[in-house]
Amino acid sequence: MSSPAGPGASAPALPKAIIFDLDGVLIDSWDATMFFYEQARNSLGLGALTPEEQAVAFTSPVAEAVEQLFPREKRVQAMQALCSVTEQEVRARIRPMPGAKECLALLKEMGVSLAVNTNGGREAVQTLREMDLLGFVDLVVSAEDVQRPKPDPQGLERILEQLGISRGHSVFIGDSVVDAATALAGGVRFWAFGNDQLIAEQHIPEFTSFMQSLKKLSTFDSRGER
């Protein structure tokens, strides 16, 4: 994220609301996701996921991922195989993203409303609780809470409506083309996390540098210069 502007220049505005993607941003669930789908593929005698298929697995709701990752004639078996993977096996492979908790705490101190919009299911709430992140989040909207998940902006729109904050005062932080498309469709600014290949207003390599920028912005604001 760029630093606050110098004297005489306009400073970046701190948004009133920041909406986070979950997987790949607040939590590191890559290994868990790959384990989940590869267990099913292995049981059906299918090969390892290609990089393109891995991206689909990581960014899509389960129903959509199954349609793209398994042949039509094996999709029923695939769903059965996925159901046999225990929640405990998957959760054991999930970790909070380094610095996520500290960053959320800082943003709350700065008065920013925080939400999560994920293409995962309602288990996202439990995941956030287990990662000790839920207490910082005002609202969680999953793919099960809307009729049309990302990249449709329905989830973003629901969050902004419930928070009572306009699109112009909000930012969506994500790590994929699906997230970028969601922000664009919803008319919300997009900041890319850990992915400098995405078109975004800001690029955040990791939370440590992001927090440093936030602290500079907080100091800048406290002087009444913004």
Protein backbone atom coordinates (compact mmCIF):
# COMPACT_ATOMS: atom_id res chain seq x y z
CA MET A 1 0.00 0.00 0.00
CA SER A 2 1.36 3.42 -0.86
CA SER A 3 2.34 5.76 1.95
CA PRO A 4 0.50 8.98 2.79
CA ALA A 5 1.32 11.82 0.47
CA GLY A 6 3.84 14.49 1.39
CA PRO A 7 3.12 18.13 2.28
CA GLY A 8 0.96 19.89 -0.25
CA ALA A 9 -0.28 16.65 -1.84
CA SER A 10 -3.57 14.86 -1.30
CA ALA A 11 -3.43 11.96 1.14
CA PRO A 12 -5.07 8.60 0.54
CA ALA A 13 -8.39 8.43 2.35
CA LEU A 14 -8.86 5.78 5.00
CA PRO A 15 -12.02 3.86 4.02
CA LYS A 16 -14.92 3.67 6.43
CA ALA A 17 -15.33 -0.03 5.64
CA ILE A 18 -12.91 -2.72 4.53
CA ILE A 19 -14.32 -5.99 3.24
CA PHE A 20 -11.91 -8.92 3.18
CA ASP A 21 -11.89 -12.11 1.21
CA LEU A 22 -11.18 -14.97 3.60
CA ASP A 23 -9.07 -17.69 1.96
CA GLY A 24 -5.67 -16.44 0.90
CA VAL A 25 -6.10 -13.14 2.73
CA LEU A 26 -7.11 -13.51 6.38
CA ILE A 27 -6.36 -17.22 6.51
CA ASP A 28 -3.88 -19.46 4.73
CA SER A 29 -6.10 -22.30 3.57
CA TRP A 30 -4.29 -23.32 0.39
CA ASP A 31 -3.03 -26.65 1.75
CA ALA A 32 -6.44 -27.41 3.26
CA THR A 33 -8.26 -26.70 0.00
CA MET A 34 -5.86 -28.75 -2.13
CA PHE A 35 -6.07 -31.64 0.35
CA PHE A 36 -9.89 -31.51 0.23
CA TYR A 37 -10.17 -31.83 -3.54
CA GLU A 38 -7.17 -34.07 -4.16
CA GLN A 39 -8.45 -36.65 -1.68
CA ALA A 40 -11.60 -36.94 -3.79
CA ARG A 41 -9.69 -37.02 -7.07
CA ASN A 42 -7.34 -39.70 -5.80
CA SER A 43 -10.25 -41.87 -4.69
CA LEU A 44 -11.67 -41.66 -8.22
CA GLY A 45 -8.37 -42.41 -9.94
CA LEU A 46 -7.95 -38.90 -11.31
CA GLY A 47 -4.63 -37.11 -11.61
CA ALA A 48 -3.32 -34.19 -9.60
CA LEU A 49 -4.86 -30.78 -10.10
CA THR A 50 -3.25 -28.55 -12.70
CA PRO A 51 -2.32 -24.98 -11.68
CA GLU A 52 -5.44 -23.74 -13.46
CA GLU A 53 -7.60 -26.28 -11.62
CA GLN A 54 -5.99 -25.33 -8.32
CA ALA A 55 -7.06 -21.73 -8.92
CA VAL A 56 -10.62 -22.89 -9.58
CA ALA A 57 -10.61 -25.01 -6.42
CA PHE A 58 -9.34 -22.12 -4.31
CA THR A 59 -11.72 -19.42 -5.55
CA SER A 60 -14.99 -21.24 -6.32
CA PRO A 61 -17.90 -22.51 -4.21
CA VAL A 62 -17.84 -26.30 -3.89
CA ALA A 63 -20.69 -26.93 -6.35
CA GLU A 64 -19.00 -24.85 -9.05
CA ALA A 65 -15.61 -26.39 -8.37
CA VAL A 66 -16.98 -29.92 -8.69
CA GLU A 67 -18.47 -29.07 -12.09
CA GLN A 68 -15.09 -27.89 -13.34
CA LEU A 69 -12.76 -30.35 -11.62
CA PHE A 70 -14.57 -33.65 -12.19
CA PRO A 71 -15.98 -35.34 -15.32
CA ARG A 72 -19.76 -35.24 -15.54
CA GLU A 73 -20.09 -38.99 -15.04
CA LYS A 74 -18.09 -38.85 -11.80
CA ARG A 75 -19.59 -35.79 -10.13
CA VAL A 76 -21.98 -37.70 -7.87
CA GLN A 77 -19.10 -39.90 -6.72
CA ALA A 78 -16.96 -36.80 -6.30
CA MET A 79 -19.50 -35.21 -3.97
CA GLN A 80 -19.67 -38.43 -1.97
CA ALA A 81 -15.89 -38.53 -1.76
CA LEU A 82 -15.72 -34.91 -0.64
CA CYS A 83 -18.28 -35.60 2.07
CA SER A 84 -16.04 -38.37 3.38
CA VAL A 85 -13.21 -35.91 4.04
CA THR A 86 -13.56 -34.97 7.69
CA GLU A 87 -13.79 -31.39 8.86
CA GLN A 88 -11.03 -32.12 11.34
CA GLU A 89 -8.65 -33.18 8.55
CA VAL A 90 -9.31 -29.96 6.66
CA ARG A 91 -9.17 -27.59 9.64
CA ALA A 92 -5.87 -29.05 10.78
CA ARG A 93 -4.33 -27.56 7.63
CA ILE A 94 -5.68 -24.01 8.07
CA ARG A 95 -3.58 -21.23 9.58
CA PRO A 96 -4.23 -17.53 10.18
CA MET A 97 -2.33 -15.35 7.73
CA PRO A 98 0.72 -13.85 9.50
CA GLY A 99 -0.16 -10.42 10.86
CA ALA A 100 -3.89 -10.72 10.13
CA LYS A 101 -5.00 -10.47 13.76
CA GLU A 102 -2.78 -7.49 14.48
CA CYS A 103 -3.96 -5.73 11.33
CA LEU A 104 -7.64 -6.24 12.12
CA ALA A 105 -7.06 -4.96 15.65
CA LEU A 106 -5.36 -1.84 14.31
CA LEU A 107 -8.15 -1.15 11.84
CA LYS A 108 -10.76 -1.48 14.59
CA GLU A 109 -8.80 0.98 16.72
CA MET A 110 -8.89 3.37 13.76
CA GLY A 111 -12.68 3.09 13.62
CA VAL A 112 -12.95 1.12 10.38
CA SER A 113 -15.90 -1.27 9.96
CA LEU A 114 -14.70 -4.75 8.95
CA ALA A 115 -16.48 -7.52 7.09
CA VAL A 116 -15.74 -10.76 5.24
CA ASN A 117 -17.19 -11.84 1.90
CA THR A 118 -16.23 -15.40 1.02
CA ASN A 119 -17.17 -18.02 -1.53
CA GLY A 120 -16.85 -20.58 1.23
CA GLY A 121 -19.80 -21.77 3.28
CA ARG A 122 -21.12 -20.68 6.65
CA GLU A 123 -18.32 -22.62 8.31
CA ALA A 124 -16.33 -19.43 7.65
CA VAL A 125 -17.68 -18.05 10.92
CA GLN A 126 -16.30 -21.02 12.85
CA THR A 127 -12.99 -20.76 11.01
CA LEU A 128 -12.66 -17.10 11.97
CA ARG A 129 -13.50 -17.99 15.56
CA GLU A 130 -10.87 -20.74 15.68
CA MET A 131 -8.27 -18.39 14.19
CA ASP A 132 -9.16 -15.81 16.89
CA LEU A 133 -10.26 -13.30 14.23
CA LEU A 134 -14.05 -13.28 14.54
CA GLY A 135 -14.14 -10.72 17.34
CA PHE A 136 -12.76 -8.04 15.02
CA VAL A 137 -15.29 -8.62 12.23
CA ASP A 138 -18.67 -6.89 12.14
CA LEU A 139 -20.26 -9.08 9.48
CA VAL A 140 -19.57 -12.29 7.54
CA VAL A 141 -21.35 -13.11 4.26
CA SER A 142 -20.67 -16.52 2.71
CA ALA A 143 -21.74 -18.14 -0.56
CA GLU A 144 -24.55 -19.82 1.38
CA ASP A 145 -25.96 -16.45 2.43
CA VAL A 146 -26.61 -15.17 -1.10
CA GLN A 147 -28.23 -16.46 -4.26
CA ARG A 148 -25.30 -15.40 -6.43
CA PRO A 149 -21.78 -15.74 -4.95
CA LYS A 150 -18.68 -13.89 -6.13
CA PRO A 151 -17.94 -12.55 -8.71
CA ASP A 152 -21.52 -11.34 -8.47
CA PRO A 153 -21.51 -8.34 -6.09
CA GLN A 154 -24.60 -9.45 -4.15
CA GLY A 155 -22.50 -10.25 -1.09
CA LEU A 156 -20.74 -6.89 -1.18
CA GLU A 157 -24.05 -5.10 -1.58
CA ARG A 158 -25.56 -6.92 1.39
CA ILE A 159 -22.58 -6.04 3.57
CA LEU A 160 -22.64 -2.35 2.67
CA GLU A 161 -26.39 -2.17 3.20
CA GLN A 162 -26.15 -3.72 6.66
CA LEU A 163 -23.16 -1.59 7.64
CA GLY A 164 -24.85 1.54 6.29
CA ILE A 165 -21.72 2.60 4.39
CA SER A 166 -21.57 3.73 0.77
CA ARG A 167 -19.52 2.09 -1.97
CA GLY A 168 -17.38 5.18 -2.31
CA HIS A 169 -16.20 4.87 1.29
CA SER A 170 -15.44 1.15 1.07
CA VAL A 171 -12.62 -1.12 -0.10
CA PHE A 172 -12.55 -4.81 -0.94
CA ILE A 173 -9.29 -6.67 -0.28
CA GLY A 174 -8.80 -9.94 -2.14
CA ASP A 175 -6.18 -12.12 -3.77
CA SER A 176 -7.78 -13.41 -6.98
CA VAL A 177 -9.30 -12.37 -10.29
CA VAL A 178 -12.66 -13.39 -8.83
CA ASP A 179 -12.22 -10.84 -6.05
CA ALA A 180 -11.10 -8.15 -8.49
CA ALA A 181 -14.14 -8.81 -10.68
CA THR A 182 -16.41 -8.70 -7.63
CA ALA A 183 -15.12 -5.29 -6.59
CA LEU A 184 -15.44 -3.96 -10.14
CA ALA A 185 -19.01 -5.24 -10.47
CA GLY A 186 -19.91 -3.76 -7.09
CA GLY A 187 -18.36 -0.37 -7.74
CA VAL A 188 -16.00 -0.75 -4.78
CA ARG A 189 -12.29 0.06 -4.76
CA PHE A 190 -10.07 -3.02 -4.93
CA TRP A 191 -6.82 -3.60 -3.06
CA ALA A 192 -4.92 -6.76 -4.04
CA PHE A 193 -3.35 -8.89 -1.32
CA GLY A 194 -0.28 -11.01 -2.07
CA ASN A 195 -0.84 -10.92 -5.83
CA ASP A 196 0.90 -8.19 -7.82
CA GLN A 197 -0.50 -9.55 -11.09
CA LEU A 198 -3.96 -8.19 -10.36
CA ILE A 199 -5.20 -4.79 -11.51
CA ALA A 200 -5.84 -2.90 -8.28
CA GLU A 201 -5.76 0.55 -6.72
CA GLN A 202 -3.26 -0.70 -4.14
CA HIS A 203 -1.10 -3.82 -3.80
CA ILE A 204 -0.50 -5.25 -0.33
CA PRO A 205 2.36 -7.78 -0.26
CA GLU A 206 1.66 -8.83 3.34
CA PHE A 207 0.13 -7.45 6.51
CA THR A 208 3.31 -6.09 8.11
CA SER A 209 3.90 -3.48 5.41
CA PHE A 210 0.16 -2.77 5.26
CA MET A 211 0.10 -1.97 8.98
CA GLN A 212 3.10 0.33 8.60
CA SER A 213 1.22 2.29 5.96
CA LEU A 214 -1.89 2.40 8.13
CA LYS A 215 0.09 3.75 11.08
CA LYS A 216 1.59 6.48 8.89
CA LEU A 217 -1.88 7.36 7.66
CA SER A 218 -3.18 7.43 11.24
CA THR A 219 -0.41 9.86 12.22
CA PHE A 220 -1.14 11.96 9.16
CA ASP A 221 -4.86 12.08 10.01
CA SER A 222 -4.22 12.95 13.67
CA ARG A 223 -2.49 16.16 12.58
CA GLY A 224 -5.68 17.25 10.86
CA GLU A 225 -4.02 17.43 7.47
CA ARG A 226 -6.39 15.19 5.54
